[in-house]
Amino acid sequence: MKLIIQIPCYNEAEVLPTTLRNLPRQIEGVDCVEVLVIDDGSTDNTAEVARTAGADHIVRLKRHAGLAEAFKVGLDACLRLGADIIVNTDADEQYKPEDIPTLIAPILRGEAELVIGDRGVAAQPNFSPIKRRLQTWGSQVVSQAAGIPIPDATSGFRAMTREVALRTNVLSHYSYTLETLIQAGNHRFAIASVPVRTNPPRRPSRLMRGLWDYLLNSGVTIVRAYTMYRPLRVFTTIGLGLIALGLVPLVRFLIFYFQGRGSGNVQSLILGAVLLIVGFQTILIGLVADLINFNRKLLEEILYRERLQTNAHSTTEPRPAASSHDQRPPLRGV
């Protein structure tokens, strides 16, 4: 069984040697542990440092594409390199590498297919009080959207099986954490959370440019992902809400009408009719979106089968010697 630890990096030359040095290279239950570094268009010498520090595989993006794209490219590379389990962690060693065996343990026992490292966000000392509340609230929202309890939805410290990686499609350009959890929940994967430890932050977050930027991007990601997988429920809920609002002025008009004062309250009739029409149209949009959802599932199945065939070929081809530190499988966008 092969485990690949993937590390998306952007200008991490200063901290990367320590991170790579502390990664476990032998784990009970795993035959082979390898490290993949995804250089997300760094302007420093991140790739060279990674090679010198002992990374087994390095993928370099030609330009800075963002965390979500780097994560996606990393998954593709891990699959082509024959990974059975993939662990994603941060380059700045936010998560303690000693917890990787704990992270993959539920997968090795056959209890889970995707494991999320739970930082204990509600009591995380490295977070401000408002960030703790937002992280807790956001995890609850994602749990509802995914249909499973997830105490730390934004954690990037996670392990997944090859099957989960094959089924994962990252569409967001901001972050992969929320979208992929909703996706995994709707695919009915077995998902578990395990407590993990963290190190004090070495630098400010590069993903968050500010609180409102984080809230806006995270909110859009959650709404988009939930609507993609539950379109009928979303549009039906909105449509029924509009119909309920439309009934209020309509009932008001009828009351005045039967009292002989309907001519002075025509605006209630117009408003109620407009809301009812829009509500019914929204439900019809939900029906159309649900039909499109079936088409999306077919496309995902085709992509899944294509990945299976591609990765089956790549894992049977001869590989370079294990001592090489510059193995770069051909990938899109690199």
C-alpha atoms as a PDB file:
ATOM      1  CA  MET A   1       0.000   0.000   0.000  1.00  0.00           C
ATOM      2  CA  LYS A   2       1.386   3.376  -1.052  1.00  0.00           C
ATOM      3  CA  LEU A   3       0.799   6.618   0.838  1.00  0.00           C
ATOM      4  CA  ILE A   4       1.607   9.948  -0.813  1.00  0.00           C
ATOM      5  CA  ILE A   5       1.724  13.109   1.288  1.00  0.00           C
ATOM      6  CA  GLN A   6       0.944  16.067  -0.940  1.00  0.00           C
ATOM      7  CA  ILE A   7       1.934  19.621   0.012  1.00  0.00           C
ATOM      8  CA  PRO A   8       0.639  22.598  -2.010  1.00  0.00           C
ATOM      9  CA  CYS A   9       3.236  25.378  -1.815  1.00  0.00           C
ATOM     10  CA  TYR A  10       3.482  29.025  -2.762  1.00  0.00           C
ATOM     11  CA  ASN A  11       6.708  30.807  -1.822  1.00  0.00           C
ATOM     12  CA  GLU A  12       7.477  28.388   1.017  1.00  0.00           C
ATOM     13  CA  ALA A  13      11.247  28.043   0.508  1.00  0.00           C
ATOM     14  CA  GLU A  14      11.966  29.261   4.034  1.00  0.00           C
ATOM     15  CA  VAL A  15       9.783  26.800   5.954  1.00  0.00           C
ATOM     16  CA  LEU A  16       9.652  23.830   3.582  1.00  0.00           C
ATOM     17  CA  PRO A  17      12.910  22.104   4.680  1.00  0.00           C
ATOM     18  CA  THR A  18      11.676  21.804   8.266  1.00  0.00           C
ATOM     19  CA  THR A  19       8.277  20.549   7.144  1.00  0.00           C
ATOM     20  CA  LEU A  20       9.750  17.882   4.875  1.00  0.00           C
ATOM     21  CA  ARG A  21      12.303  16.811   7.474  1.00  0.00           C
ATOM     22  CA  ASN A  22       9.596  16.157  10.078  1.00  0.00           C
ATOM     23  CA  LEU A  23       7.285  14.103   7.830  1.00  0.00           C
ATOM     24  CA  PRO A  24       7.107  10.408   8.773  1.00  0.00           C
ATOM     25  CA  ARG A  25       8.722   8.108   6.220  1.00  0.00           C
ATOM     26  CA  GLN A  26       7.646   4.829   7.792  1.00  0.00           C
ATOM     27  CA  ILE A  27       4.112   4.174   9.015  1.00  0.00           C
ATOM     28  CA  GLU A  28       2.751   0.874  10.283  1.00  0.00           C
ATOM     29  CA  GLY A  29       0.325  -0.623   7.778  1.00  0.00           C
ATOM     30  CA  VAL A  30       1.814   1.302   4.851  1.00  0.00           C
ATOM     31  CA  ASP A  31       4.457  -0.215   2.566  1.00  0.00           C
ATOM     32  CA  CYS A  32       5.681   2.994   0.950  1.00  0.00           C
ATOM     33  CA  VAL A  33       5.524   6.672   1.950  1.00  0.00           C
ATOM     34  CA  GLU A  34       6.331   9.320  -0.638  1.00  0.00           C
ATOM     35  CA  VAL A  35       6.112  13.116  -0.650  1.00  0.00           C
ATOM     36  CA  LEU A  36       4.748  15.250  -3.472  1.00  0.00           C
ATOM     37  CA  VAL A  37       5.280  19.025  -3.522  1.00  0.00           C
ATOM     38  CA  ILE A  38       3.048  21.148  -5.754  1.00  0.00           C
ATOM     39  CA  ASP A  39       4.801  24.432  -6.506  1.00  0.00           C
ATOM     40  CA  ASP A  40       1.948  26.843  -7.220  1.00  0.00           C
ATOM     41  CA  GLY A  41       3.916  29.228  -9.435  1.00  0.00           C
ATOM     42  CA  SER A  42       6.245  30.375  -6.653  1.00  0.00           C
ATOM     43  CA  THR A  43       8.489  33.362  -7.305  1.00  0.00           C
ATOM     44  CA  ASP A  44      11.161  32.088  -4.912  1.00  0.00           C
ATOM     45  CA  ASN A  45      13.133  28.831  -5.158  1.00  0.00           C
ATOM     46  CA  THR A  46      10.496  26.613  -3.533  1.00  0.00           C
ATOM     47  CA  ALA A  47      10.915  23.815  -6.092  1.00  0.00           C
ATOM     48  CA  GLU A  48      14.695  23.710  -5.739  1.00  0.00           C
ATOM     49  CA  VAL A  49      14.451  23.719  -1.949  1.00  0.00           C
ATOM     50  CA  ALA A  50      11.893  20.900  -2.079  1.00  0.00           C
ATOM     51  CA  ARG A  51      14.184  18.833  -4.296  1.00  0.00           C
ATOM     52  CA  THR A  52      17.181  19.399  -2.015  1.00  0.00           C
ATOM     53  CA  ALA A  53      15.128  18.686   1.129  1.00  0.00           C
ATOM     54  CA  GLY A  54      14.095  15.250  -0.148  1.00  0.00           C
ATOM     55  CA  ALA A  55      10.710  15.538  -1.860  1.00  0.00           C
ATOM     56  CA  ASP A  56      10.134  12.439  -4.002  1.00  0.00           C
ATOM     57  CA  HIS A  57       7.998  14.214  -6.590  1.00  0.00           C
ATOM     58  CA  ILE A  58       7.673  17.847  -7.626  1.00  0.00           C
ATOM     59  CA  VAL A  59       4.992  19.360  -9.844  1.00  0.00           C
ATOM     60  CA  ARG A  60       5.456  22.974 -10.904  1.00  0.00           C
ATOM     61  CA  LEU A  61       2.600  25.149 -12.125  1.00  0.00           C
ATOM     62  CA  LYS A  62       3.604  27.761 -14.676  1.00  0.00           C
ATOM     63  CA  ARG A  63       1.679  30.480 -12.866  1.00  0.00           C
ATOM     64  CA  HIS A  64       0.133  31.072  -9.445  1.00  0.00           C
ATOM     65  CA  ALA A  65      -3.293  29.451  -9.771  1.00  0.00           C
ATOM     66  CA  GLY A  66      -4.424  29.351  -6.136  1.00  0.00           C
ATOM     67  CA  LEU A  67      -4.856  26.731  -3.432  1.00  0.00           C
ATOM     68  CA  ALA A  68      -7.839  24.957  -5.010  1.00  0.00           C
ATOM     69  CA  GLU A  69      -6.050  24.443  -8.333  1.00  0.00           C
ATOM     70  CA  ALA A  70      -2.854  23.273  -6.625  1.00  0.00           C
ATOM     71  CA  PHE A  71      -4.853  20.765  -4.573  1.00  0.00           C
ATOM     72  CA  LYS A  72      -6.578  19.450  -7.707  1.00  0.00           C
ATOM     73  CA  VAL A  73      -3.310  19.119  -9.647  1.00  0.00           C
ATOM     74  CA  GLY A  74      -1.812  17.326  -6.646  1.00  0.00           C
ATOM     75  CA  LEU A  75      -4.619  14.768  -6.591  1.00  0.00           C
ATOM     76  CA  ASP A  76      -4.133  14.067 -10.300  1.00  0.00           C
ATOM     77  CA  ALA A  77      -0.405  13.575  -9.746  1.00  0.00           C
ATOM     78  CA  CYS A  78      -0.925  11.277  -6.746  1.00  0.00           C
ATOM     79  CA  LEU A  79      -3.341   9.122  -8.732  1.00  0.00           C
ATOM     80  CA  ARG A  80      -0.912   8.807 -11.629  1.00  0.00           C
ATOM     81  CA  LEU A  81       1.863   7.885  -9.220  1.00  0.00           C
ATOM     82  CA  GLY A  82      -0.236   4.999  -7.900  1.00  0.00           C
ATOM     83  CA  ALA A  83      -1.242   6.324  -4.475  1.00  0.00           C
ATOM     84  CA  ASP A  84      -3.628   4.155  -2.453  1.00  0.00           C
ATOM     85  CA  ILE A  85      -3.968   6.803   0.264  1.00  0.00           C
ATOM     86  CA  ILE A  86      -3.416  10.538  -0.150  1.00  0.00           C
ATOM     87  CA  VAL A  87      -2.717  12.891   2.751  1.00  0.00           C
ATOM     88  CA  ASN A  88      -2.938  16.639   2.209  1.00  0.00           C
ATOM     89  CA  THR A  89      -1.107  18.959   4.594  1.00  0.00           C
ATOM     90  CA  ASP A  90       0.189  22.533   4.711  1.00  0.00           C
ATOM     91  CA  ALA A  91       3.715  23.644   3.843  1.00  0.00           C
ATOM     92  CA  ASP A  92       4.002  25.863   6.932  1.00  0.00           C
ATOM     93  CA  GLU A  93       3.551  22.843   9.235  1.00  0.00           C
ATOM     94  CA  GLN A  94       0.353  24.183  10.762  1.00  0.00           C
ATOM     95  CA  TYR A  95      -0.525  20.554  11.499  1.00  0.00           C
ATOM     96  CA  LYS A  96       1.835  18.303  13.429  1.00  0.00           C
ATOM     97  CA  PRO A  97       3.257  15.669  11.058  1.00  0.00           C
ATOM     98  CA  GLU A  98       3.362  13.152  13.915  1.00  0.00           C
ATOM     99  CA  ASP A  99      -0.443  12.962  13.633  1.00  0.00           C
ATOM    100  CA  ILE A 100      -0.408  11.541  10.089  1.00  0.00           C
ATOM    101  CA  PRO A 101      -0.554   7.911  11.374  1.00  0.00           C
ATOM    102  CA  THR A 102      -3.568   8.912  13.491  1.00  0.00           C
ATOM    103  CA  LEU A 103      -5.150  10.594  10.472  1.00  0.00           C
ATOM    104  CA  ILE A 104      -4.932   7.545   8.210  1.00  0.00           C
ATOM    105  CA  ALA A 105      -5.770   4.987  10.922  1.00  0.00           C
ATOM    106  CA  PRO A 106      -9.562   4.943  10.196  1.00  0.00           C
ATOM    107  CA  ILE A 107      -8.782   4.272   6.521  1.00  0.00           C
ATOM    108  CA  LEU A 108      -6.393   1.426   7.349  1.00  0.00           C
ATOM    109  CA  ARG A 109      -9.043  -0.091   9.621  1.00  0.00           C
ATOM    110  CA  GLY A 110     -11.632   0.159   6.838  1.00  0.00           C
ATOM    111  CA  GLU A 111     -13.840   2.498   8.876  1.00  0.00           C
ATOM    112  CA  ALA A 112     -13.591   5.578   6.657  1.00  0.00           C
ATOM    113  CA  GLU A 113     -12.741   6.677   3.125  1.00  0.00           C
ATOM    114  CA  LEU A 114     -12.156  10.346   3.942  1.00  0.00           C
ATOM    115  CA  VAL A 115     -10.706  11.538   7.258  1.00  0.00           C
ATOM    116  CA  ILE A 116     -10.614  15.172   8.391  1.00  0.00           C
ATOM    117  CA  GLY A 117      -8.170  16.410  11.004  1.00  0.00           C
ATOM    118  CA  ASP A 118     -10.189  18.184  13.701  1.00  0.00           C
ATOM    119  CA  ARG A 119      -8.263  21.100  15.210  1.00  0.00           C
ATOM    120  CA  GLY A 120     -10.917  21.727  17.869  1.00  0.00           C
ATOM    121  CA  VAL A 121     -11.856  25.091  16.386  1.00  0.00           C
ATOM    122  CA  ALA A 122     -14.265  25.988  19.182  1.00  0.00           C
ATOM    123  CA  ALA A 123     -11.349  26.103  21.644  1.00  0.00           C
ATOM    124  CA  GLN A 124      -8.407  26.664  19.296  1.00  0.00           C
ATOM    125  CA  PRO A 125      -5.998  29.012  21.154  1.00  0.00           C
ATOM    126  CA  ASN A 126      -4.432  30.232  17.889  1.00  0.00           C
ATOM    127  CA  PHE A 127      -7.786  31.620  16.686  1.00  0.00           C
ATOM    128  CA  SER A 128      -9.412  34.871  17.722  1.00  0.00           C
ATOM    129  CA  PRO A 129     -12.833  34.607  19.447  1.00  0.00           C
ATOM    130  CA  ILE A 130     -14.668  35.764  16.313  1.00  0.00           C
ATOM    131  CA  LYS A 131     -12.766  33.289  14.141  1.00  0.00           C
ATOM    132  CA  ARG A 132     -13.669  30.468  16.529  1.00  0.00           C
ATOM    133  CA  ARG A 133     -17.352  31.353  16.280  1.00  0.00           C
ATOM    134  CA  LEU A 134     -17.225  31.688  12.495  1.00  0.00           C
ATOM    135  CA  GLN A 135     -15.366  28.393  12.064  1.00  0.00           C
ATOM    136  CA  THR A 136     -17.844  26.602  14.322  1.00  0.00           C
ATOM    137  CA  TRP A 137     -20.850  28.118  12.555  1.00  0.00           C
ATOM    138  CA  GLY A 138     -19.382  27.391   9.118  1.00  0.00           C
ATOM    139  CA  SER A 139     -18.740  23.764  10.028  1.00  0.00           C
ATOM    140  CA  GLN A 140     -22.356  23.402  11.134  1.00  0.00           C
ATOM    141  CA  VAL A 141     -23.574  24.822   7.817  1.00  0.00           C
ATOM    142  CA  VAL A 142     -21.335  22.476   5.821  1.00  0.00           C
ATOM    143  CA  SER A 143     -22.461  19.553   7.988  1.00  0.00           C
ATOM    144  CA  GLN A 144     -26.061  20.293   7.035  1.00  0.00           C
ATOM    145  CA  ALA A 145     -25.147  20.588   3.349  1.00  0.00           C
ATOM    146  CA  ALA A 146     -23.072  17.391   3.356  1.00  0.00           C
ATOM    147  CA  GLY A 147     -25.497  15.450   5.515  1.00  0.00           C
ATOM    148  CA  ILE A 148     -22.799  14.378   7.997  1.00  0.00           C
ATOM    149  CA  PRO A 149     -21.385  15.872  11.225  1.00  0.00           C
ATOM    150  CA  ILE A 150     -18.091  17.663  10.482  1.00  0.00           C
ATOM    151  CA  PRO A 151     -16.616  19.560  13.455  1.00  0.00           C
ATOM    152  CA  ASP A 152     -13.824  21.242  11.423  1.00  0.00           C
ATOM    153  CA  ALA A 153     -14.909  21.688   7.812  1.00  0.00           C
ATOM    154  CA  THR A 154     -12.119  24.105   6.843  1.00  0.00           C
ATOM    155  CA  SER A 155      -9.281  21.831   7.957  1.00  0.00           C
ATOM    156  CA  GLY A 156      -6.840  21.157   5.123  1.00  0.00           C
ATOM    157  CA  PHE A 157      -5.280  18.250   7.010  1.00  0.00           C
ATOM    158  CA  ARG A 158      -7.109  15.301   5.533  1.00  0.00           C
ATOM    159  CA  ALA A 159      -6.586  11.786   4.218  1.00  0.00           C
ATOM    160  CA  MET A 160      -8.514  10.051   1.466  1.00  0.00           C
ATOM    161  CA  THR A 161      -8.579   6.776  -0.380  1.00  0.00           C
ATOM    162  CA  ARG A 162      -7.837   6.439  -4.061  1.00  0.00           C
ATOM    163  CA  GLU A 163     -11.567   6.027  -4.763  1.00  0.00           C
ATOM    164  CA  VAL A 164     -12.406   9.341  -3.078  1.00  0.00           C
ATOM    165  CA  ALA A 165      -9.670  11.102  -5.057  1.00  0.00           C
ATOM    166  CA  LEU A 166     -10.994   9.645  -8.315  1.00  0.00           C
ATOM    167  CA  ARG A 167     -14.474  10.964  -7.510  1.00  0.00           C
ATOM    168  CA  THR A 168     -13.330  14.420  -6.370  1.00  0.00           C
ATOM    169  CA  ASN A 169     -13.876  17.342  -8.735  1.00  0.00           C
ATOM    170  CA  VAL A 170     -12.705  20.759  -7.526  1.00  0.00           C
ATOM    171  CA  LEU A 171     -14.570  23.557  -9.299  1.00  0.00           C
ATOM    172  CA  SER A 172     -13.919  26.432  -6.918  1.00  0.00           C
ATOM    173  CA  HIS A 173     -10.995  28.801  -7.491  1.00  0.00           C
ATOM    174  CA  TYR A 174     -10.853  29.854  -3.827  1.00  0.00           C
ATOM    175  CA  SER A 175     -10.470  26.783  -1.636  1.00  0.00           C
ATOM    176  CA  TYR A 176     -11.175  23.066  -1.865  1.00  0.00           C
ATOM    177  CA  THR A 177     -12.072  22.323   1.762  1.00  0.00           C
ATOM    178  CA  LEU A 178     -15.808  23.092   1.865  1.00  0.00           C
ATOM    179  CA  GLU A 179     -16.730  22.063  -1.672  1.00  0.00           C
ATOM    180  CA  THR A 180     -15.045  18.661  -1.509  1.00  0.00           C
ATOM    181  CA  LEU A 181     -16.743  17.813   1.802  1.00  0.00           C
ATOM    182  CA  ILE A 182     -20.208  18.571   0.401  1.00  0.00           C
ATOM    183  CA  GLN A 183     -19.256  16.538  -2.658  1.00  0.00           C
ATOM    184  CA  ALA A 184     -18.049  13.584  -0.579  1.00  0.00           C
ATOM    185  CA  GLY A 185     -21.155  13.663   1.585  1.00  0.00           C
ATOM    186  CA  ASN A 186     -23.418  13.533  -1.447  1.00  0.00           C
ATOM    187  CA  HIS A 187     -21.390  10.624  -2.851  1.00  0.00           C
ATOM    188  CA  ARG A 188     -22.143   8.759   0.412  1.00  0.00           C
ATOM    189  CA  PHE A 189     -18.502   8.239   1.288  1.00  0.00           C
ATOM    190  CA  ALA A 190     -17.688   7.145   4.831  1.00  0.00           C
ATOM    191  CA  ILE A 191     -16.279  10.299   6.451  1.00  0.00           C
ATOM    192  CA  ALA A 192     -14.614  10.503   9.849  1.00  0.00           C
ATOM    193  CA  SER A 193     -12.950  13.197  11.944  1.00  0.00           C
ATOM    194  CA  VAL A 194     -10.015  12.637  14.286  1.00  0.00           C
ATOM    195  CA  PRO A 195      -8.510  15.123  16.766  1.00  0.00           C
ATOM    196  CA  VAL A 196      -5.171  16.536  15.617  1.00  0.00           C
ATOM    197  CA  ARG A 197      -2.670  18.961  17.086  1.00  0.00           C
ATOM    198  CA  THR A 198      -1.479  22.194  15.549  1.00  0.00           C
ATOM    199  CA  ASN A 199       1.596  24.386  15.755  1.00  0.00           C
ATOM    200  CA  PRO A 200       1.484  28.156  16.341  1.00  0.00           C
ATOM    201  CA  PRO A 201       1.123  30.046  13.029  1.00  0.00           C
ATOM    202  CA  ARG A 202       4.409  31.056  11.400  1.00  0.00           C
ATOM    203  CA  ARG A 203       2.876  33.722   9.168  1.00  0.00           C
ATOM    204  CA  PRO A 204      -0.531  35.303   8.403  1.00  0.00           C
ATOM    205  CA  SER A 205      -2.900  33.292   6.237  1.00  0.00           C
ATOM    206  CA  ARG A 206      -2.432  33.842   2.506  1.00  0.00           C
ATOM    207  CA  LEU A 207      -5.907  32.542   1.720  1.00  0.00           C
ATOM    208  CA  MET A 208      -7.789  35.118   3.822  1.00  0.00           C
ATOM    209  CA  ARG A 209      -7.351  38.722   2.697  1.00  0.00           C
ATOM    210  CA  GLY A 210      -9.809  39.807   5.337  1.00  0.00           C
ATOM    211  CA  LEU A 211     -12.830  38.648   7.299  1.00  0.00           C
ATOM    212  CA  TRP A 212     -15.435  39.805   4.788  1.00  0.00           C
ATOM    213  CA  ASP A 213     -13.477  38.378   1.865  1.00  0.00           C
ATOM    214  CA  TYR A 214     -13.387  35.007   3.643  1.00  0.00           C
ATOM    215  CA  LEU A 215     -17.094  35.094   4.495  1.00  0.00           C
ATOM    216  CA  LEU A 216     -18.103  36.080   0.963  1.00  0.00           C
ATOM    217  CA  ASN A 217     -15.992  33.446  -0.783  1.00  0.00           C
ATOM    218  CA  SER A 218     -16.879  30.699   1.676  1.00  0.00           C
ATOM    219  CA  GLY A 219     -20.578  31.552   1.499  1.00  0.00           C
ATOM    220  CA  VAL A 220     -20.592  31.511  -2.293  1.00  0.00           C
ATOM    221  CA  THR A 221     -18.737  28.187  -2.322  1.00  0.00           C
ATOM    222  CA  ILE A 222     -21.213  26.555   0.077  1.00  0.00           C
ATOM    223  CA  VAL A 223     -24.288  27.860  -1.756  1.00  0.00           C
ATOM    224  CA  ARG A 224     -22.913  26.867  -5.168  1.00  0.00           C
ATOM    225  CA  ALA A 225     -21.912  23.363  -4.059  1.00  0.00           C
ATOM    226  CA  TYR A 226     -25.191  22.728  -2.197  1.00  0.00           C
ATOM    227  CA  THR A 227     -27.269  24.003  -5.125  1.00  0.00           C
ATOM    228  CA  MET A 228     -25.288  21.815  -7.516  1.00  0.00           C
ATOM    229  CA  TYR A 229     -26.076  18.631  -5.577  1.00  0.00           C
ATOM    230  CA  ARG A 230     -29.540  19.498  -4.187  1.00  0.00           C
ATOM    231  CA  PRO A 231     -31.082  21.801  -6.839  1.00  0.00           C
ATOM    232  CA  LEU A 232     -34.676  20.646  -6.441  1.00  0.00           C
ATOM    233  CA  ARG A 233     -34.610  21.119  -2.677  1.00  0.00           C
ATOM    234  CA  VAL A 234     -33.032  24.590  -2.955  1.00  0.00           C
ATOM    235  CA  PHE A 235     -35.344  25.979  -5.635  1.00  0.00           C
ATOM    236  CA  THR A 236     -38.451  24.342  -4.167  1.00  0.00           C
ATOM    237  CA  THR A 237     -37.700  25.893  -0.765  1.00  0.00           C
ATOM    238  CA  ILE A 238     -37.239  29.330  -2.338  1.00  0.00           C
ATOM    239  CA  GLY A 239     -40.350  28.901  -4.490  1.00  0.00           C
ATOM    240  CA  LEU A 240     -42.549  27.820  -1.579  1.00  0.00           C
ATOM    241  CA  GLY A 241     -41.249  30.759   0.445  1.00  0.00           C
ATOM    242  CA  LEU A 242     -42.246  33.181  -2.329  1.00  0.00           C
ATOM    243  CA  ILE A 243     -45.667  31.531  -2.621  1.00  0.00           C
ATOM    244  CA  ALA A 244     -46.183  31.858   1.137  1.00  0.00           C
ATOM    245  CA  LEU A 245     -45.259  35.554   0.951  1.00  0.00           C
ATOM    246  CA  GLY A 246     -47.600  36.004  -1.997  1.00  0.00           C
ATOM    247  CA  LEU A 247     -50.531  34.494  -0.105  1.00  0.00           C
ATOM    248  CA  VAL A 248     -50.306  37.187   2.588  1.00  0.00           C
ATOM    249  CA  PRO A 249     -51.266  40.209   0.407  1.00  0.00           C
ATOM    250  CA  LEU A 250     -53.644  38.013  -1.580  1.00  0.00           C
ATOM    251  CA  VAL A 251     -55.575  36.996   1.540  1.00  0.00           C
ATOM    252  CA  ARG A 252     -55.544  40.630   2.655  1.00  0.00           C
ATOM    253  CA  PHE A 253     -57.119  41.671  -0.644  1.00  0.00           C
ATOM    254  CA  LEU A 254     -59.793  38.956  -0.394  1.00  0.00           C
ATOM    255  CA  ILE A 255     -60.705  40.060   3.114  1.00  0.00           C
ATOM    256  CA  PHE A 256     -61.186  43.667   1.987  1.00  0.00           C
ATOM    257  CA  TYR A 257     -62.968  42.504  -1.180  1.00  0.00           C
ATOM    258  CA  PHE A 258     -65.641  40.603   0.741  1.00  0.00           C
ATOM    259  CA  GLN A 259     -66.026  43.630   2.991  1.00  0.00           C
ATOM    260  CA  GLY A 260     -66.787  45.708  -0.083  1.00  0.00           C
ATOM    261  CA  ARG A 261     -63.484  47.650   0.022  1.00  0.00           C
ATOM    262  CA  GLY A 262     -61.556  45.691  -2.611  1.00  0.00           C
ATOM    263  CA  SER A 263     -61.194  48.572  -5.080  1.00  0.00           C
ATOM    264  CA  GLY A 264     -58.848  50.435  -2.744  1.00  0.00           C
ATOM    265  CA  ASN A 265     -56.530  47.481  -2.220  1.00  0.00           C
ATOM    266  CA  VAL A 266     -55.758  46.341  -5.758  1.00  0.00           C
ATOM    267  CA  GLN A 267     -52.036  46.756  -5.028  1.00  0.00           C
ATOM    268  CA  SER A 268     -52.259  43.795  -2.626  1.00  0.00           C
ATOM    269  CA  LEU A 269     -53.779  41.686  -5.395  1.00  0.00           C
ATOM    270  CA  ILE A 270     -51.024  42.678  -7.837  1.00  0.00           C
ATOM    271  CA  LEU A 271     -48.223  42.049  -5.325  1.00  0.00           C
ATOM    272  CA  GLY A 272     -49.653  38.674  -4.304  1.00  0.00           C
ATOM    273  CA  ALA A 273     -50.096  37.592  -7.930  1.00  0.00           C
ATOM    274  CA  VAL A 274     -46.524  38.579  -8.816  1.00  0.00           C
ATOM    275  CA  LEU A 275     -45.091  36.669  -5.846  1.00  0.00           C
ATOM    276  CA  LEU A 276     -47.194  33.589  -6.644  1.00  0.00           C
ATOM    277  CA  ILE A 277     -46.106  33.598 -10.285  1.00  0.00           C
ATOM    278  CA  VAL A 278     -42.443  34.033  -9.379  1.00  0.00           C
ATOM    279  CA  GLY A 279     -42.740  31.285  -6.759  1.00  0.00           C
ATOM    280  CA  PHE A 280     -44.199  28.785  -9.220  1.00  0.00           C
ATOM    281  CA  GLN A 281     -41.566  29.744 -11.814  1.00  0.00           C
ATOM    282  CA  THR A 282     -38.817  29.158  -9.247  1.00  0.00           C
ATOM    283  CA  ILE A 283     -40.159  25.651  -8.567  1.00  0.00           C
ATOM    284  CA  LEU A 284     -40.181  24.978 -12.320  1.00  0.00           C
ATOM    285  CA  ILE A 285     -36.565  26.174 -12.492  1.00  0.00           C
ATOM    286  CA  GLY A 286     -35.816  23.657  -9.730  1.00  0.00           C
ATOM    287  CA  LEU A 287     -37.332  20.857 -11.820  1.00  0.00           C
ATOM    288  CA  VAL A 288     -35.194  21.848 -14.812  1.00  0.00           C
ATOM    289  CA  ALA A 289     -32.099  22.123 -12.573  1.00  0.00           C
ATOM    290  CA  ASP A 290     -32.829  18.655 -11.202  1.00  0.00           C
ATOM    291  CA  LEU A 291     -32.879  17.243 -14.739  1.00  0.00           C
ATOM    292  CA  ILE A 292     -29.577  19.025 -15.446  1.00  0.00           C
ATOM    293  CA  ASN A 293     -28.270  17.464 -12.226  1.00  0.00           C
ATOM    294  CA  PHE A 294     -28.804  14.011 -13.722  1.00  0.00           C
ATOM    295  CA  ASN A 295     -26.747  15.082 -16.726  1.00  0.00           C
ATOM    296  CA  ARG A 296     -23.975  16.290 -14.376  1.00  0.00           C
ATOM    297  CA  LYS A 297     -23.952  12.870 -12.687  1.00  0.00           C
ATOM    298  CA  LEU A 298     -23.535  11.185 -16.056  1.00  0.00           C
ATOM    299  CA  LEU A 299     -20.631  13.509 -16.895  1.00  0.00           C
ATOM    300  CA  GLU A 300     -19.012  12.800 -13.518  1.00  0.00           C
ATOM    301  CA  GLU A 301     -19.335   9.065 -14.150  1.00  0.00           C
ATOM    302  CA  ILE A 302     -17.697   9.453 -17.566  1.00  0.00           C
ATOM    303  CA  LEU A 303     -14.868  11.485 -16.008  1.00  0.00           C
ATOM    304  CA  TYR A 304     -14.477   8.856 -13.281  1.00  0.00           C
ATOM    305  CA  ARG A 305     -14.170   6.038 -15.829  1.00  0.00           C
ATOM    306  CA  GLU A 306     -11.704   8.080 -17.879  1.00  0.00           C
ATOM    307  CA  ARG A 307      -9.585   8.674 -14.785  1.00  0.00           C
ATOM    308  CA  LEU A 308      -9.674   4.969 -13.987  1.00  0.00           C
ATOM    309  CA  GLN A 309      -8.378   4.073 -17.440  1.00  0.00           C
ATOM    310  CA  THR A 310      -5.745   6.835 -17.487  1.00  0.00           C
ATOM    311  CA  ASN A 311      -4.388   5.998 -14.054  1.00  0.00           C
ATOM    312  CA  ALA A 312      -4.463   2.264 -14.767  1.00  0.00           C
ATOM    313  CA  HIS A 313      -2.139   2.873 -17.714  1.00  0.00           C
ATOM    314  CA  SER A 314       0.142   5.242 -15.798  1.00  0.00           C
ATOM    315  CA  THR A 315       0.598   2.887 -12.827  1.00  0.00           C
ATOM    316  CA  THR A 316       1.613  -0.022 -15.079  1.00  0.00           C
ATOM    317  CA  GLU A 317       4.237   1.955 -16.995  1.00  0.00           C
ATOM    318  CA  PRO A 318       7.908   1.680 -15.885  1.00  0.00           C
ATOM    319  CA  ARG A 319       8.887   4.334 -13.359  1.00  0.00           C
ATOM    320  CA  PRO A 320      12.171   6.164 -12.843  1.00  0.00           C
ATOM    321  CA  ALA A 321      14.496   5.022 -10.087  1.00  0.00           C
ATOM    322  CA  ALA A 322      13.304   5.714  -6.563  1.00  0.00           C
ATOM    323  CA  SER A 323      16.250   8.032  -5.944  1.00  0.00           C
ATOM    324  CA  SER A 324      14.980  10.580  -8.490  1.00  0.00           C
ATOM    325  CA  HIS A 325      13.579  13.764  -6.936  1.00  0.00           C
ATOM    326  CA  ASP A 326      12.300  15.383 -10.105  1.00  0.00           C
ATOM    327  CA  GLN A 327       9.487  13.115 -11.297  1.00  0.00           C
ATOM    328  CA  ARG A 328       6.890  15.262 -13.020  1.00  0.00           C
ATOM    329  CA  PRO A 329       3.916  13.382 -14.459  1.00  0.00           C
ATOM    330  CA  PRO A 330       2.252  15.143 -17.415  1.00  0.00           C
ATOM    331  CA  LEU A 331      -0.650  17.151 -16.009  1.00  0.00           C
ATOM    332  CA  ARG A 332      -3.052  19.761 -17.192  1.00  0.00           C
ATOM    333  CA  GLY A 333      -1.954  23.305 -16.389  1.00  0.00           C
ATOM    334  CA  VAL A 334       1.649  22.542 -15.494  1.00  0.00           C
END
